[in-house]
Amino acid sequence: AVVAFGFPLVPPSGRTAEREAVLRAARVPMLFVTGDRDALCPLPHLERIRAEMSVPTSLHVVPGADHAMRPRAGADAACLAAIQAFLATVV
């Protein structure tokens, strides 16, 4: 399984095809942990790609966090709980 923190789906170059291809080629379950203000991983774009992936995926959104994952207080515990729950489903 893979836990991806702030997956840079939209790199600064703007060329997303390679990043999308990597996700579509995934062969293990994936958990995406991303902020709702992450400009490099816009949630609508990530949701579209997740729908096209052939492996099970999960998403944990960190409210108020950007790409550097600077969240509000208490978000770390929620991230850890989401990761633990995800890993329990794939072990």
N, C-alpha and C. Protein backbone atom coordinates (compact mmCIF):
# COMPACT_ATOMS: atom_id res chain seq x y z
N ALA A 1 0.84 -1.18 0.00
CA ALA A 1 0.00 0.00 0.00
C ALA A 1 0.88 1.24 0.00
N VAL A 2 0.29 2.35 -0.44
CA VAL A 2 1.00 3.62 -0.49
C VAL A 2 0.17 4.68 0.22
N VAL A 3 0.85 5.47 1.05
CA VAL A 3 0.24 6.66 1.63
C VAL A 3 0.95 7.85 0.99
N ALA A 4 0.22 8.65 0.25
CA ALA A 4 0.79 9.79 -0.47
C ALA A 4 0.38 11.08 0.24
N PHE A 5 1.34 11.79 0.76
CA PHE A 5 1.09 13.07 1.42
C PHE A 5 1.26 14.19 0.40
N GLY A 6 0.21 14.92 0.11
CA GLY A 6 0.29 16.04 -0.81
C GLY A 6 0.84 15.66 -2.16
N PHE A 7 0.28 14.63 -2.77
CA PHE A 7 0.77 14.18 -4.07
C PHE A 7 0.76 15.36 -5.05
N PRO A 8 1.90 15.67 -5.66
CA PRO A 8 1.97 16.83 -6.57
C PRO A 8 1.39 16.50 -7.95
N LEU A 9 0.09 16.41 -7.99
CA LEU A 9 -0.60 16.05 -9.23
C LEU A 9 -0.41 17.10 -10.31
N VAL A 10 -0.38 18.35 -9.92
CA VAL A 10 -0.20 19.46 -10.86
C VAL A 10 1.14 20.12 -10.53
N PRO A 11 2.23 19.67 -11.17
CA PRO A 11 3.54 20.24 -10.89
C PRO A 11 3.64 21.68 -11.40
N PRO A 12 4.62 22.41 -10.90
CA PRO A 12 4.78 23.80 -11.35
C PRO A 12 4.88 23.93 -12.87
N SER A 13 5.39 22.91 -13.55
CA SER A 13 5.49 22.97 -15.01
C SER A 13 4.12 22.92 -15.68
N GLY A 14 3.11 22.45 -14.92
CA GLY A 14 1.77 22.35 -15.46
C GLY A 14 1.51 21.09 -16.26
N ARG A 15 2.54 20.27 -16.47
CA ARG A 15 2.39 19.04 -17.25
C ARG A 15 1.90 17.93 -16.34
N THR A 16 0.63 17.61 -16.42
CA THR A 16 0.04 16.63 -15.50
C THR A 16 -0.02 15.22 -16.05
N ALA A 17 0.17 15.04 -17.34
CA ALA A 17 -0.02 13.72 -17.95
C ALA A 17 0.84 12.65 -17.31
N GLU A 18 2.10 12.97 -17.02
CA GLU A 18 3.00 11.98 -16.41
C GLU A 18 2.53 11.60 -15.01
N ARG A 19 2.11 12.58 -14.25
CA ARG A 19 1.65 12.31 -12.89
C ARG A 19 0.38 11.48 -12.90
N GLU A 20 -0.52 11.79 -13.80
CA GLU A 20 -1.75 11.01 -13.91
C GLU A 20 -1.45 9.57 -14.32
N ALA A 21 -0.51 9.39 -15.24
CA ALA A 21 -0.15 8.05 -15.71
C ALA A 21 0.41 7.21 -14.58
N VAL A 22 1.20 7.81 -13.72
CA VAL A 22 1.77 7.10 -12.57
C VAL A 22 0.65 6.57 -11.68
N LEU A 23 -0.35 7.39 -11.44
CA LEU A 23 -1.45 6.95 -10.58
C LEU A 23 -2.30 5.89 -11.27
N ARG A 24 -2.56 6.05 -12.54
CA ARG A 24 -3.36 5.04 -13.25
C ARG A 24 -2.64 3.70 -13.31
N ALA A 25 -1.32 3.71 -13.26
CA ALA A 25 -0.53 2.47 -13.32
C ALA A 25 -0.35 1.82 -11.95
N ALA A 26 -0.81 2.44 -10.91
CA ALA A 26 -0.63 1.91 -9.55
C ALA A 26 -1.26 0.52 -9.45
N ARG A 27 -0.60 -0.34 -8.69
CA ARG A 27 -1.08 -1.71 -8.52
C ARG A 27 -1.29 -2.08 -7.05
N VAL A 28 -1.26 -1.09 -6.18
CA VAL A 28 -1.50 -1.32 -4.76
C VAL A 28 -2.48 -0.25 -4.25
N PRO A 29 -3.23 -0.55 -3.20
CA PRO A 29 -4.15 0.44 -2.64
C PRO A 29 -3.40 1.72 -2.23
N MET A 30 -4.10 2.86 -2.36
CA MET A 30 -3.46 4.13 -2.03
C MET A 30 -4.37 4.99 -1.16
N LEU A 31 -3.73 5.65 -0.22
CA LEU A 31 -4.39 6.68 0.59
C LEU A 31 -3.75 8.01 0.24
N PHE A 32 -4.56 8.97 -0.15
CA PHE A 32 -4.09 10.32 -0.41
C PHE A 32 -4.41 11.18 0.81
N VAL A 33 -3.40 11.82 1.35
CA VAL A 33 -3.56 12.76 2.45
C VAL A 33 -3.19 14.12 1.87
N THR A 34 -4.16 15.00 1.79
CA THR A 34 -3.91 16.29 1.14
C THR A 34 -4.70 17.40 1.81
N GLY A 35 -4.19 18.60 1.69
CA GLY A 35 -4.89 19.75 2.23
C GLY A 35 -5.93 20.28 1.27
N ASP A 36 -6.96 20.88 1.81
CA ASP A 36 -8.01 21.43 0.95
C ASP A 36 -7.58 22.74 0.28
N ARG A 37 -6.39 23.24 0.61
CA ARG A 37 -5.84 24.43 -0.04
C ARG A 37 -4.56 24.10 -0.81
N ASP A 38 -4.36 22.84 -1.15
CA ASP A 38 -3.15 22.41 -1.85
C ASP A 38 -3.28 22.71 -3.34
N ALA A 39 -2.56 23.74 -3.80
CA ALA A 39 -2.64 24.15 -5.20
C ALA A 39 -2.02 23.12 -6.14
N LEU A 40 -1.14 22.26 -5.62
CA LEU A 40 -0.51 21.24 -6.46
C LEU A 40 -1.33 19.95 -6.53
N CYS A 41 -2.38 19.88 -5.74
CA CYS A 41 -3.24 18.70 -5.76
C CYS A 41 -4.70 19.15 -5.57
N PRO A 42 -5.26 19.84 -6.56
CA PRO A 42 -6.65 20.30 -6.45
C PRO A 42 -7.60 19.11 -6.26
N LEU A 43 -8.46 19.21 -5.29
CA LEU A 43 -9.34 18.09 -4.96
C LEU A 43 -10.21 17.63 -6.14
N PRO A 44 -10.80 18.52 -6.94
CA PRO A 44 -11.59 18.02 -8.08
C PRO A 44 -10.75 17.21 -9.07
N HIS A 45 -9.53 17.64 -9.29
CA HIS A 45 -8.62 16.92 -10.20
C HIS A 45 -8.27 15.56 -9.60
N LEU A 46 -7.95 15.54 -8.32
CA LEU A 46 -7.61 14.27 -7.66
C LEU A 46 -8.80 13.31 -7.69
N GLU A 47 -9.99 13.81 -7.45
CA GLU A 47 -11.18 12.95 -7.47
C GLU A 47 -11.39 12.34 -8.85
N ARG A 48 -11.14 13.12 -9.90
CA ARG A 48 -11.30 12.60 -11.27
C ARG A 48 -10.31 11.46 -11.51
N ILE A 49 -9.05 11.66 -11.11
CA ILE A 49 -8.04 10.63 -11.32
C ILE A 49 -8.33 9.40 -10.46
N ARG A 50 -8.74 9.61 -9.22
CA ARG A 50 -9.08 8.47 -8.35
C ARG A 50 -10.16 7.61 -8.99
N ALA A 51 -11.13 8.23 -9.63
CA ALA A 51 -12.22 7.48 -10.28
C ALA A 51 -11.71 6.65 -11.45
N GLU A 52 -10.58 7.04 -12.02
CA GLU A 52 -10.01 6.33 -13.16
C GLU A 52 -9.00 5.26 -12.75
N MET A 53 -8.64 5.22 -11.49
CA MET A 53 -7.64 4.26 -11.02
C MET A 53 -8.27 2.88 -10.85
N SER A 54 -7.46 1.85 -11.08
CA SER A 54 -7.99 0.48 -10.99
C SER A 54 -7.78 -0.15 -9.62
N VAL A 55 -7.13 0.56 -8.70
CA VAL A 55 -6.90 0.04 -7.36
C VAL A 55 -7.78 0.80 -6.37
N PRO A 56 -8.03 0.20 -5.20
CA PRO A 56 -8.79 0.93 -4.19
C PRO A 56 -8.01 2.17 -3.72
N THR A 57 -8.73 3.27 -3.58
CA THR A 57 -8.11 4.49 -3.07
C THR A 57 -8.96 5.06 -1.96
N SER A 58 -8.30 5.79 -1.08
CA SER A 58 -8.98 6.51 0.00
C SER A 58 -8.42 7.92 0.00
N LEU A 59 -9.18 8.82 0.62
CA LEU A 59 -8.77 10.21 0.68
C LEU A 59 -9.01 10.75 2.08
N HIS A 60 -7.99 11.42 2.61
CA HIS A 60 -8.15 12.16 3.87
C HIS A 60 -7.78 13.61 3.57
N VAL A 61 -8.74 14.50 3.75
CA VAL A 61 -8.53 15.92 3.48
C VAL A 61 -8.25 16.63 4.80
N VAL A 62 -7.16 17.40 4.80
CA VAL A 62 -6.78 18.17 5.98
C VAL A 62 -7.33 19.59 5.80
N PRO A 63 -8.33 19.97 6.59
CA PRO A 63 -8.92 21.29 6.44
C PRO A 63 -7.90 22.41 6.69
N GLY A 64 -7.88 23.35 5.78
CA GLY A 64 -7.02 24.52 5.94
C GLY A 64 -5.56 24.31 5.58
N ALA A 65 -5.18 23.10 5.17
CA ALA A 65 -3.77 22.81 4.89
C ALA A 65 -3.43 23.09 3.43
N ASP A 66 -2.21 23.54 3.21
CA ASP A 66 -1.71 23.77 1.86
C ASP A 66 -0.80 22.61 1.46
N HIS A 67 -0.02 22.77 0.40
CA HIS A 67 0.84 21.68 -0.07
C HIS A 67 1.91 21.29 0.95
N ALA A 68 2.34 22.24 1.75
CA ALA A 68 3.34 21.96 2.78
C ALA A 68 2.73 21.29 4.01
N MET A 69 1.42 21.02 3.93
CA MET A 69 0.69 20.36 5.01
C MET A 69 0.76 21.13 6.33
N ARG A 70 0.66 22.45 6.24
CA ARG A 70 0.60 23.27 7.45
C ARG A 70 -0.87 23.36 7.84
N PRO A 71 -1.32 22.44 8.69
CA PRO A 71 -2.73 22.37 9.05
C PRO A 71 -3.05 23.17 10.31
N ARG A 72 -4.32 23.15 10.64
CA ARG A 72 -4.78 23.72 11.90
C ARG A 72 -4.36 22.79 13.04
N ALA A 73 -4.45 23.29 14.25
CA ALA A 73 -4.15 22.48 15.43
C ALA A 73 -5.07 21.26 15.46
N GLY A 74 -4.53 20.12 15.83
CA GLY A 74 -5.31 18.90 15.96
C GLY A 74 -5.39 18.07 14.69
N ALA A 75 -4.92 18.59 13.59
CA ALA A 75 -5.02 17.85 12.33
C ALA A 75 -4.09 16.65 12.30
N ASP A 76 -2.98 16.70 13.02
CA ASP A 76 -2.04 15.58 13.01
C ASP A 76 -2.70 14.31 13.54
N ALA A 77 -3.47 14.43 14.60
CA ALA A 77 -4.13 13.25 15.18
C ALA A 77 -5.14 12.68 14.20
N ALA A 78 -5.86 13.54 13.48
CA ALA A 78 -6.84 13.06 12.50
C ALA A 78 -6.13 12.37 11.34
N CYS A 79 -4.99 12.90 10.91
CA CYS A 79 -4.21 12.26 9.84
C CYS A 79 -3.73 10.89 10.28
N LEU A 80 -3.21 10.81 11.48
CA LEU A 80 -2.72 9.53 12.00
C LEU A 80 -3.85 8.50 12.08
N ALA A 81 -5.00 8.93 12.52
CA ALA A 81 -6.14 8.01 12.61
C ALA A 81 -6.56 7.53 11.22
N ALA A 82 -6.55 8.42 10.24
CA ALA A 82 -6.91 8.02 8.87
C ALA A 82 -5.90 7.03 8.31
N ILE A 83 -4.63 7.25 8.59
CA ILE A 83 -3.58 6.34 8.10
C ILE A 83 -3.72 4.97 8.77
N GLN A 84 -3.94 4.98 10.07
CA GLN A 84 -4.11 3.71 10.78
C GLN A 84 -5.31 2.94 10.25
N ALA A 85 -6.42 3.62 10.02
CA ALA A 85 -7.62 2.96 9.51
C ALA A 85 -7.37 2.40 8.12
N PHE A 86 -6.70 3.15 7.28
CA PHE A 86 -6.38 2.69 5.93
C PHE A 86 -5.49 1.45 5.98
N LEU A 87 -4.43 1.52 6.76
CA LEU A 87 -3.49 0.39 6.84
C LEU A 87 -4.17 -0.86 7.39
N ALA A 88 -5.13 -0.69 8.28
CA ALA A 88 -5.86 -1.84 8.82
C ALA A 88 -6.66 -2.55 7.75
N THR A 89 -7.02 -1.83 6.69
CA THR A 89 -7.81 -2.45 5.62
C THR A 89 -6.93 -3.17 4.60
N VAL A 90 -5.64 -2.90 4.59
CA VAL A 90 -4.78 -3.49 3.57
C VAL A 90 -3.80 -4.52 4.12
N VAL A 91 -3.77 -4.70 5.40
CA VAL A 91 -2.84 -5.65 6.00
C VAL A 91 -3.48 -7.01 6.11
